[in-house]
C-alpha atoms as a PDB file:
ATOM      1  CA  MET A   1     102.837 192.217  27.782  1.00  0.00           C
ATOM      2  CA  SER A   2     101.116 188.511  27.530  1.00  0.00           C
ATOM      3  CA  THR A   3      99.924 186.771  23.956  1.00  0.00           C
ATOM      4  CA  ASP A   4      96.123 187.954  24.718  1.00  0.00           C
ATOM      5  CA  GLN A   5      97.282 191.712  25.520  1.00  0.00           C
ATOM      6  CA  ARG A   6      98.999 192.117  22.103  1.00  0.00           C
ATOM      7  CA  LEU A   7      95.850 190.208  20.388  1.00  0.00           C
ATOM      8  CA  ALA A   8      93.364 192.968  22.058  1.00  0.00           C
ATOM      9  CA  THR A   9      95.561 195.357  21.378  1.00  0.00           C
ATOM     10  CA  ALA A  10      96.460 194.237  17.272  1.00  0.00           C
ATOM     11  CA  HIS A  11      92.868 193.641  17.666  1.00  0.00           C
ATOM     12  CA  ASP A  12      91.510 197.312  18.704  1.00  0.00           C
ATOM     13  CA  LYS A  13      94.163 198.746  15.719  1.00  0.00           C
ATOM     14  CA  ALA A  14      92.553 197.107  12.971  1.00  0.00           C
ATOM     15  CA  ALA A  15      89.042 197.519  13.850  1.00  0.00           C
ATOM     16  CA  ILE A  16      90.213 201.192  13.741  1.00  0.00           C
ATOM     17  CA  LEU A  17      91.378 200.573  10.523  1.00  0.00           C
ATOM     18  CA  ALA A  18      88.335 199.318   9.567  1.00  0.00           C
ATOM     19  CA  GLU A  19      86.525 201.656  10.995  1.00  0.00           C
ATOM     20  CA  ALA A  20      88.252 204.904   9.116  1.00  0.00           C
ATOM     21  CA  LEU A  21      88.276 202.997   5.322  1.00  0.00           C
ATOM     22  CA  PRO A  22      84.398 203.730   4.371  1.00  0.00           C
ATOM     23  CA  TYR A  23      85.766 207.630   4.952  1.00  0.00           C
ATOM     24  CA  ILE A  24      88.983 207.148   3.043  1.00  0.00           C
ATOM     25  CA  ARG A  25      86.824 206.044  -0.024  1.00  0.00           C
ATOM     26  CA  GLU A  26      84.436 208.726   0.698  1.00  0.00           C
ATOM     27  CA  PHE A  27      87.068 211.681   0.620  1.00  0.00           C
ATOM     28  CA  SER A  28      89.500 210.174  -2.249  1.00  0.00           C
ATOM     29  CA  GLY A  29      90.232 212.829  -4.487  1.00  0.00           C
ATOM     30  CA  ARG A  30      88.071 215.502  -2.717  1.00  0.00           C
ATOM     31  CA  THR A  31      89.890 219.141  -1.846  1.00  0.00           C
ATOM     32  CA  VAL A  32      89.757 219.741   1.822  1.00  0.00           C
ATOM     33  CA  VAL A  33      90.895 223.393   2.982  1.00  0.00           C
ATOM     34  CA  VAL A  34      92.330 223.639   6.355  1.00  0.00           C
ATOM     35  CA  LYS A  35      93.221 226.853   7.972  1.00  0.00           C
ATOM     36  CA  TYR A  36      96.240 226.154  10.811  1.00  0.00           C
ATOM     37  CA  GLY A  37      97.131 228.646  13.369  1.00  0.00           C
ATOM     38  CA  GLY A  38      96.827 229.395  17.661  1.00  0.00           C
ATOM     39  CA  HIS A  39      98.269 226.673  19.643  1.00  0.00           C
ATOM     40  CA  ALA A  40      98.464 224.017  17.669  1.00  0.00           C
ATOM     41  CA  MET A  41     101.067 226.041  15.345  1.00  0.00           C
ATOM     42  CA  ASP A  42     103.093 227.200  18.420  1.00  0.00           C
ATOM     43  CA  ASP A  43     103.074 223.571  20.269  1.00  0.00           C
ATOM     44  CA  PRO A  44     106.203 221.398  18.356  1.00  0.00           C
ATOM     45  CA  ALA A  45     104.586 217.930  19.666  1.00  0.00           C
ATOM     46  CA  LEU A  46     101.078 219.618  18.324  1.00  0.00           C
ATOM     47  CA  ALA A  47     102.784 220.591  14.845  1.00  0.00           C
ATOM     48  CA  ASP A  48     104.502 217.597  14.144  1.00  0.00           C
ATOM     49  CA  LEU A  49     101.559 215.425  14.998  1.00  0.00           C
ATOM     50  CA  PHE A  50      99.607 218.436  12.395  1.00  0.00           C
ATOM     51  CA  ALA A  51     101.833 217.461   9.619  1.00  0.00           C
ATOM     52  CA  GLN A  52     101.800 213.592  10.039  1.00  0.00           C
ATOM     53  CA  ASP A  53      98.078 214.002   9.887  1.00  0.00           C
ATOM     54  CA  VAL A  54      98.014 216.493   6.517  1.00  0.00           C
ATOM     55  CA  VAL A  55     100.624 213.612   4.854  1.00  0.00           C
ATOM     56  CA  LEU A  56      98.443 210.745   5.783  1.00  0.00           C
ATOM     57  CA  MET A  57      95.192 212.887   4.084  1.00  0.00           C
ATOM     58  CA  ARG A  58      97.457 212.941   0.810  1.00  0.00           C
ATOM     59  CA  LEU A  59      98.350 209.661   0.707  1.00  0.00           C
ATOM     60  CA  VAL A  60      95.004 207.644   0.914  1.00  0.00           C
ATOM     61  CA  GLY A  61      93.725 210.262  -1.865  1.00  0.00           C
ATOM     62  CA  MET A  62      92.347 213.655  -0.148  1.00  0.00           C
ATOM     63  CA  ASN A  63      93.916 216.897  -1.891  1.00  0.00           C
ATOM     64  CA  PRO A  64      94.937 218.829   1.284  1.00  0.00           C
ATOM     65  CA  VAL A  65      95.630 222.406   1.569  1.00  0.00           C
ATOM     66  CA  VAL A  66      96.928 224.663   4.230  1.00  0.00           C
ATOM     67  CA  VAL A  67      96.451 228.255   4.892  1.00  0.00           C
ATOM     68  CA  HIS A  68      98.021 229.765   7.955  1.00  0.00           C
ATOM     69  CA  GLY A  69      98.307 233.172   9.854  1.00  0.00           C
ATOM     70  CA  GLY A  70     100.639 233.882  12.506  1.00  0.00           C
ATOM     71  CA  GLY A  71      99.713 236.917  14.448  1.00  0.00           C
ATOM     72  CA  PRO A  72     101.745 235.859  17.706  1.00  0.00           C
ATOM     73  CA  GLN A  73     104.810 235.236  15.297  1.00  0.00           C
ATOM     74  CA  ILE A  74     104.371 239.276  13.934  1.00  0.00           C
ATOM     75  CA  SER A  75     104.138 240.938  17.091  1.00  0.00           C
ATOM     76  CA  ASP A  76     106.737 239.201  18.598  1.00  0.00           C
ATOM     77  CA  LEU A  77     109.322 240.294  15.584  1.00  0.00           C
ATOM     78  CA  MET A  78     107.606 243.694  15.638  1.00  0.00           C
ATOM     79  CA  ARG A  79     108.760 244.323  19.261  1.00  0.00           C
ATOM     80  CA  ARG A  80     111.868 242.855  18.520  1.00  0.00           C
ATOM     81  CA  LEU A  81     112.260 245.256  15.903  1.00  0.00           C
ATOM     82  CA  GLY A  82     111.233 248.142  18.321  1.00  0.00           C
ATOM     83  CA  LYS A  83     107.924 248.797  17.002  1.00  0.00           C
ATOM     84  CA  GLU A  84     105.300 248.276  19.130  1.00  0.00           C
ATOM     85  CA  PRO A  85     102.071 246.326  17.954  1.00  0.00           C
ATOM     86  CA  GLU A  86      98.513 248.788  17.599  1.00  0.00           C
ATOM     87  CA  PHE A  87      95.125 247.359  17.134  1.00  0.00           C
ATOM     88  CA  LEU A  88      91.553 248.529  16.187  1.00  0.00           C
ATOM     89  CA  ASP A  89      88.687 247.178  17.034  1.00  0.00           C
ATOM     90  CA  GLY A  90      90.573 243.839  17.258  1.00  0.00           C
ATOM     91  CA  LEU A  91      92.311 244.400  13.926  1.00  0.00           C
ATOM     92  CA  ARG A  92      95.907 245.090  13.513  1.00  0.00           C
ATOM     93  CA  VAL A  93      96.974 248.142  12.142  1.00  0.00           C
ATOM     94  CA  THR A  94      99.232 247.903   9.409  1.00  0.00           C
ATOM     95  CA  ASP A  95     101.183 250.742   8.037  1.00  0.00           C
ATOM     96  CA  ALA A  96     103.746 250.391   5.493  1.00  0.00           C
ATOM     97  CA  GLU A  97     106.594 248.996   7.966  1.00  0.00           C
ATOM     98  CA  THR A  98     104.212 246.633   9.662  1.00  0.00           C
ATOM     99  CA  VAL A  99     102.819 244.808   6.528  1.00  0.00           C
ATOM    100  CA  ASP A 100     106.725 244.204   5.971  1.00  0.00           C
ATOM    101  CA  ILE A 101     106.798 242.823   9.087  1.00  0.00           C
ATOM    102  CA  ALA A 102     104.083 240.637   8.651  1.00  0.00           C
ATOM    103  CA  ARG A 103     105.946 239.992   5.319  1.00  0.00           C
ATOM    104  CA  MET A 104     108.858 238.591   7.147  1.00  0.00           C
ATOM    105  CA  ALA A 105     107.145 236.690   9.570  1.00  0.00           C
ATOM    106  CA  LEU A 106     104.072 235.166   7.960  1.00  0.00           C
ATOM    107  CA  VAL A 107     106.312 233.973   4.674  1.00  0.00           C
ATOM    108  CA  GLY A 108     109.800 234.196   5.370  1.00  0.00           C
ATOM    109  CA  LYS A 109     109.170 232.185   8.719  1.00  0.00           C
ATOM    110  CA  VAL A 110     106.334 230.838   9.689  1.00  0.00           C
ATOM    111  CA  ASN A 111     105.558 229.231   5.982  1.00  0.00           C
ATOM    112  CA  ARG A 112     108.770 227.982   6.159  1.00  0.00           C
ATOM    113  CA  GLU A 113     108.233 226.058   9.215  1.00  0.00           C
ATOM    114  CA  ILE A 114     105.153 224.596   8.125  1.00  0.00           C
ATOM    115  CA  VAL A 115     106.886 223.592   5.161  1.00  0.00           C
ATOM    116  CA  ALA A 116     109.590 221.856   6.761  1.00  0.00           C
ATOM    117  CA  SER A 117     107.466 220.318   9.469  1.00  0.00           C
ATOM    118  CA  VAL A 118     105.258 218.906   6.431  1.00  0.00           C
ATOM    119  CA  ASN A 119     108.516 217.498   4.669  1.00  0.00           C
ATOM    120  CA  GLN A 120     109.368 215.639   6.965  1.00  0.00           C
ATOM    121  CA  HIS A 121     107.381 212.974   6.899  1.00  0.00           C
ATOM    122  CA  GLY A 122     106.871 213.142   2.813  1.00  0.00           C
ATOM    123  CA  SER A 123     108.421 215.590   0.144  1.00  0.00           C
ATOM    124  CA  TYR A 124     104.843 217.235  -0.567  1.00  0.00           C
ATOM    125  CA  ALA A 125     104.426 220.769   0.896  1.00  0.00           C
ATOM    126  CA  VAL A 126     105.143 223.851  -1.581  1.00  0.00           C
ATOM    127  CA  GLY A 127     105.361 227.216   0.250  1.00  0.00           C
ATOM    128  CA  LEU A 128     103.429 229.738  -1.271  1.00  0.00           C
ATOM    129  CA  SER A 129     102.309 233.682  -0.014  1.00  0.00           C
ATOM    130  CA  GLY A 130      99.351 235.321  -1.465  1.00  0.00           C
ATOM    131  CA  GLU A 131     101.167 237.103  -3.927  1.00  0.00           C
ATOM    132  CA  ASP A 132     102.143 234.552  -6.305  1.00  0.00           C
ATOM    133  CA  ALA A 133     100.915 234.019  -9.111  1.00  0.00           C
ATOM    134  CA  GLY A 134      98.203 236.494  -8.073  1.00  0.00           C
ATOM    135  CA  LEU A 135      96.989 233.978  -5.820  1.00  0.00           C
ATOM    136  CA  ILE A 136      94.855 236.378  -3.689  1.00  0.00           C
ATOM    137  CA  GLN A 137      93.990 239.648  -4.969  1.00  0.00           C
ATOM    138  CA  VAL A 138      92.915 242.411  -2.535  1.00  0.00           C
ATOM    139  CA  GLU A 139      91.818 246.282  -2.346  1.00  0.00           C
ATOM    140  CA  GLN A 140      92.325 248.386   0.687  1.00  0.00           C
ATOM    141  CA  GLY A 141      89.681 247.858   3.760  1.00  0.00           C
ATOM    142  CA  ASP A 142      89.447 250.248   6.381  1.00  0.00           C
ATOM    143  CA  GLU A 143      91.515 252.777   5.896  1.00  0.00           C
ATOM    144  CA  ARG A 144      92.064 253.897   9.441  1.00  0.00           C
ATOM    145  CA  LEU A 145      93.971 250.189   9.288  1.00  0.00           C
ATOM    146  CA  GLY A 146      96.539 250.885   6.742  1.00  0.00           C
ATOM    147  CA  PHE A 147      97.826 248.200   4.958  1.00  0.00           C
ATOM    148  CA  VAL A 148      95.048 246.072   5.959  1.00  0.00           C
ATOM    149  CA  GLY A 149      93.025 243.844   2.507  1.00  0.00           C
ATOM    150  CA  THR A 150      89.581 242.944   1.806  1.00  0.00           C
ATOM    151  CA  ILE A 151      89.763 240.078  -1.004  1.00  0.00           C
ATOM    152  CA  ARG A 152      88.899 240.549  -4.083  1.00  0.00           C
ATOM    153  CA  HIS A 153      89.256 237.914  -6.335  1.00  0.00           C
ATOM    154  CA  ILE A 154      91.456 234.625  -5.274  1.00  0.00           C
ATOM    155  CA  ASP A 155      92.946 232.991  -8.622  1.00  0.00           C
ATOM    156  CA  ALA A 156      93.300 229.342  -7.503  1.00  0.00           C
ATOM    157  CA  SER A 157      94.899 227.873 -11.152  1.00  0.00           C
ATOM    158  CA  ILE A 158      98.072 227.371  -9.398  1.00  0.00           C
ATOM    159  CA  LEU A 159      96.699 225.676  -6.352  1.00  0.00           C
ATOM    160  CA  GLU A 160      94.894 223.337  -8.874  1.00  0.00           C
ATOM    161  CA  ARG A 161      98.558 222.560 -10.701  1.00  0.00           C
ATOM    162  CA  LEU A 162     100.085 222.012  -7.820  1.00  0.00           C
ATOM    163  CA  LEU A 163      97.143 219.271  -6.384  1.00  0.00           C
ATOM    164  CA  ARG A 164      97.519 217.600 -10.000  1.00  0.00           C
ATOM    165  CA  GLU A 165     100.993 217.326  -9.278  1.00  0.00           C
ATOM    166  CA  GLU A 166      99.631 215.412  -5.925  1.00  0.00           C
ATOM    167  CA  LEU A 167     101.699 218.520  -3.621  1.00  0.00           C
ATOM    168  CA  ILE A 168      99.994 220.267  -0.456  1.00  0.00           C
ATOM    169  CA  PRO A 169     100.189 223.890  -0.680  1.00  0.00           C
ATOM    170  CA  VAL A 170     101.012 225.827   2.447  1.00  0.00           C
ATOM    171  CA  ILE A 171      99.584 229.441   1.835  1.00  0.00           C
ATOM    172  CA  ALA A 172     100.787 232.735   4.104  1.00  0.00           C
ATOM    173  CA  THR A 173      98.207 235.246   3.831  1.00  0.00           C
ATOM    174  CA  ILE A 174      99.974 238.128   2.391  1.00  0.00           C
ATOM    175  CA  GLY A 175      97.781 239.821  -0.485  1.00  0.00           C
ATOM    176  CA  MET A 176      98.577 241.867  -3.786  1.00  0.00           C
ATOM    177  CA  GLY A 177      96.678 245.108  -4.446  1.00  0.00           C
ATOM    178  CA  GLU A 178      96.504 246.507  -7.971  1.00  0.00           C
ATOM    179  CA  ALA A 179      99.479 248.137  -7.770  1.00  0.00           C
ATOM    180  CA  GLY A 180     101.675 245.418  -6.394  1.00  0.00           C
ATOM    181  CA  GLN A 181     101.430 246.999  -2.597  1.00  0.00           C
ATOM    182  CA  ALA A 182     101.321 243.980  -0.445  1.00  0.00           C
ATOM    183  CA  TYR A 183      98.435 243.748   2.168  1.00  0.00           C
ATOM    184  CA  ASN A 184      97.781 241.575   5.124  1.00  0.00           C
ATOM    185  CA  VAL A 185      94.519 239.403   5.353  1.00  0.00           C
ATOM    186  CA  ASN A 186      93.140 237.954   7.833  1.00  0.00           C
ATOM    187  CA  ALA A 187      93.682 234.183   7.703  1.00  0.00           C
ATOM    188  CA  ASP A 188      90.236 233.270   8.820  1.00  0.00           C
ATOM    189  CA  THR A 189      88.615 235.154   5.530  1.00  0.00           C
ATOM    190  CA  VAL A 190      91.327 233.528   3.438  1.00  0.00           C
ATOM    191  CA  ALA A 191      90.768 230.102   3.928  1.00  0.00           C
ATOM    192  CA  GLY A 192      86.930 230.162   3.393  1.00  0.00           C
ATOM    193  CA  ALA A 193      87.114 232.383  -0.212  1.00  0.00           C
ATOM    194  CA  ILE A 194      89.986 229.945  -0.723  1.00  0.00           C
ATOM    195  CA  ALA A 195      87.507 226.607   0.075  1.00  0.00           C
ATOM    196  CA  GLU A 196      84.881 228.736  -1.817  1.00  0.00           C
ATOM    197  CA  ALA A 197      87.589 228.752  -5.401  1.00  0.00           C
ATOM    198  CA  LEU A 198      88.637 225.192  -5.278  1.00  0.00           C
ATOM    199  CA  GLU A 199      85.233 224.062  -4.476  1.00  0.00           C
ATOM    200  CA  ALA A 200      86.547 222.150  -1.747  1.00  0.00           C
ATOM    201  CA  GLU A 201      84.538 219.233   0.063  1.00  0.00           C
ATOM    202  CA  LYS A 202      85.358 220.764   3.281  1.00  0.00           C
ATOM    203  CA  LEU A 203      86.647 223.927   5.538  1.00  0.00           C
ATOM    204  CA  VAL A 204      88.147 223.238   8.513  1.00  0.00           C
ATOM    205  CA  TYR A 205      89.211 225.511  11.237  1.00  0.00           C
ATOM    206  CA  LEU A 206      91.656 224.595  13.819  1.00  0.00           C
ATOM    207  CA  THR A 207      91.441 226.316  17.124  1.00  0.00           C
ATOM    208  CA  ASP A 208      92.062 227.000  20.697  1.00  0.00           C
ATOM    209  CA  VAL A 209      88.520 225.721  21.641  1.00  0.00           C
ATOM    210  CA  SER A 210      86.757 222.553  21.730  1.00  0.00           C
ATOM    211  CA  GLY A 211      84.308 224.012  18.899  1.00  0.00           C
ATOM    212  CA  VAL A 212      81.331 226.559  18.688  1.00  0.00           C
ATOM    213  CA  TYR A 213      79.204 226.786  21.421  1.00  0.00           C
ATOM    214  CA  GLY A 214      75.542 227.738  22.048  1.00  0.00           C
ATOM    215  CA  ASP A 215      76.350 230.053  24.884  1.00  0.00           C
ATOM    216  CA  TYR A 216      79.806 230.845  24.869  1.00  0.00           C
ATOM    217  CA  PRO A 217      81.979 230.327  27.253  1.00  0.00           C
ATOM    218  CA  ASP A 218      79.717 227.736  28.537  1.00  0.00           C
ATOM    219  CA  GLU A 219      81.715 224.541  28.004  1.00  0.00           C
ATOM    220  CA  ASP A 220      78.794 222.653  28.044  1.00  0.00           C
ATOM    221  CA  THR A 221      76.684 223.809  25.543  1.00  0.00           C
ATOM    222  CA  LEU A 222      79.298 222.610  22.877  1.00  0.00           C
ATOM    223  CA  ILE A 223      77.109 222.042  19.364  1.00  0.00           C
ATOM    224  CA  SER A 224      78.199 219.247  17.692  1.00  0.00           C
ATOM    225  CA  ARG A 225      76.061 220.055  14.498  1.00  0.00           C
ATOM    226  CA  ILE A 226      74.923 223.119  13.543  1.00  0.00           C
ATOM    227  CA  ASP A 227      73.628 224.844  10.095  1.00  0.00           C
ATOM    228  CA  ALA A 228      74.621 228.059   8.610  1.00  0.00           C
ATOM    229  CA  PHE A 229      71.471 229.949   9.664  1.00  0.00           C
ATOM    230  CA  GLY A 230      72.724 228.616  13.133  1.00  0.00           C
ATOM    231  CA  LEU A 231      75.308 230.080  12.581  1.00  0.00           C
ATOM    232  CA  GLU A 232      74.231 233.313  11.767  1.00  0.00           C
ATOM    233  CA  GLU A 233      72.040 233.300  14.522  1.00  0.00           C
ATOM    234  CA  LEU A 234      74.475 232.929  17.324  1.00  0.00           C
ATOM    235  CA  VAL A 235      76.342 235.911  16.131  1.00  0.00           C
ATOM    236  CA  ARG A 236      73.305 237.761  15.892  1.00  0.00           C
ATOM    237  CA  THR A 237      72.133 237.429  19.251  1.00  0.00           C
ATOM    238  CA  GLY A 238      75.484 237.841  20.767  1.00  0.00           C
ATOM    239  CA  LYS A 239      76.048 233.785  22.056  1.00  0.00           C
ATOM    240  CA  ALA A 240      79.247 233.750  19.998  1.00  0.00           C
ATOM    241  CA  ASP A 241      82.943 234.164  21.236  1.00  0.00           C
ATOM    242  CA  GLN A 242      84.214 237.593  19.778  1.00  0.00           C
ATOM    243  CA  GLY A 243      87.466 235.917  18.372  1.00  0.00           C
ATOM    244  CA  MET A 244      85.048 233.418  16.738  1.00  0.00           C
ATOM    245  CA  ILE A 245      83.065 235.831  14.383  1.00  0.00           C
ATOM    246  CA  PRO A 246      85.334 235.249  11.664  1.00  0.00           C
ATOM    247  CA  LYS A 247      85.570 231.609  11.407  1.00  0.00           C
ATOM    248  CA  LEU A 248      81.967 231.909  11.522  1.00  0.00           C
ATOM    249  CA  ALA A 249      80.763 234.165   8.614  1.00  0.00           C
ATOM    250  CA  SER A 250      83.940 232.733   6.511  1.00  0.00           C
ATOM    251  CA  CYS A 251      81.698 229.258   7.457  1.00  0.00           C
ATOM    252  CA  VAL A 252      78.481 230.557   6.046  1.00  0.00           C
ATOM    253  CA  GLN A 253      80.076 232.373   3.499  1.00  0.00           C
ATOM    254  CA  ALA A 254      81.368 228.982   2.005  1.00  0.00           C
ATOM    255  CA  LEU A 255      78.719 226.613   2.621  1.00  0.00           C
ATOM    256  CA  ARG A 256      76.311 229.402   0.620  1.00  0.00           C
ATOM    257  CA  ASN A 257      78.664 229.172  -2.019  1.00  0.00           C
ATOM    258  CA  GLY A 258      79.318 225.472  -2.472  1.00  0.00           C
ATOM    259  CA  VAL A 259      81.761 224.134  -0.225  1.00  0.00           C
ATOM    260  CA  THR A 260      79.725 220.881   1.181  1.00  0.00           C
ATOM    261  CA  ARG A 261      80.993 221.114   5.075  1.00  0.00           C
ATOM    262  CA  ALA A 262      82.813 222.788   7.627  1.00  0.00           C
ATOM    263  CA  HIS A 263      84.322 222.164  10.976  1.00  0.00           C
ATOM    264  CA  ILE A 264      85.458 223.784  13.684  1.00  0.00           C
ATOM    265  CA  LEU A 265      88.132 221.464  15.899  1.00  0.00           C
ATOM    266  CA  ASP A 266      90.149 221.473  18.712  1.00  0.00           C
ATOM    267  CA  GLY A 267      93.481 221.807  17.540  1.00  0.00           C
ATOM    268  CA  ARG A 268      95.340 221.142  20.895  1.00  0.00           C
ATOM    269  CA  ILE A 269      93.767 217.736  20.426  1.00  0.00           C
ATOM    270  CA  PRO A 270      96.204 215.508  18.796  1.00  0.00           C
ATOM    271  CA  HIS A 271      95.489 213.756  15.324  1.00  0.00           C
ATOM    272  CA  ALA A 272      92.257 216.124  15.738  1.00  0.00           C
ATOM    273  CA  LEU A 273      92.080 216.171  11.830  1.00  0.00           C
ATOM    274  CA  LEU A 274      92.502 212.030  11.752  1.00  0.00           C
ATOM    275  CA  LEU A 275      89.416 211.967  14.478  1.00  0.00           C
ATOM    276  CA  GLU A 276      86.939 214.077  12.467  1.00  0.00           C
ATOM    277  CA  PHE A 277      87.191 212.822   9.110  1.00  0.00           C
ATOM    278  CA  PHE A 278      88.168 209.500   9.879  1.00  0.00           C
ATOM    279  CA  THR A 279      86.418 208.088  12.757  1.00  0.00           C
ATOM    280  CA  ARG A 280      81.707 207.658  13.708  1.00  0.00           C
ATOM    281  CA  GLU A 281      82.328 210.073  16.326  1.00  0.00           C
ATOM    282  CA  GLY A 282      84.240 212.865  14.903  1.00  0.00           C
ATOM    283  CA  ILE A 283      85.251 216.094  17.240  1.00  0.00           C
ATOM    284  CA  GLY A 284      84.216 219.284  17.410  1.00  0.00           C
ATOM    285  CA  THR A 285      81.555 221.243  15.262  1.00  0.00           C
ATOM    286  CA  MET A 286      80.304 220.092  11.869  1.00  0.00           C
ATOM    287  CA  VAL A 287      78.748 223.435  10.104  1.00  0.00           C
ATOM    288  CA  HIS A 288      76.047 222.127   6.753  1.00  0.00           C
ATOM    289  CA  PRO A 289      74.312 224.505   4.654  1.00  0.00           C
END
């Protein structure tokens, strides 16, 4: 590489840092809840980039909180234990044995892997289950689904303590019922509820699509900015992907209860979080109240 080429490359890198500076100032001290899942979690290279992004967010003064599910991992462990997954209207039927398997997969495997990945880049991540310190308190939902919980209350005090210590909470979405019974809980819904409880600046969903489409699955209808009412209209008119509906509903609920912005990003894009937060163009869909 010639001297001119090296100077041009260095100039480009400096320009990127200069562009990021006002955003770093704006978000310093602010809490960001990230729902992590999909292909971004399954691909080792993308998982490592995600860990780098989260640590960098912490280092520039932001307060990231990671919420994760793990549906494929639960199904895989069920099959390995000789139990076939069963679904009703797209939701997992969760008997007593299945909730134990879900707890093993989410808390014992997925959560530990995410924590280890983040801590390779800085000793910040702390793994939690919704059962810890009464974080996710639930009640039974549809009885046909068994031990699938709906959120009754989020006690964010343990998260607030960890954030004051400049740590990164990584939360597995197992909730606790009144009698101490464990429940599986939808991770999209948990992310929104935790963002509300923490009065987060941003709620971010990493997905396997480019964002929200005006007429799914037509990729030419990708929406870069929309408000909460617009999301409700997409669901009401049947133009939203069924798999996206829990995310959209959680976005609307969170935005109407104090969260400033929500983002739906393609987690398959390397450094998706940094591109959205620290560049003018951004990626995916931003939702405002």
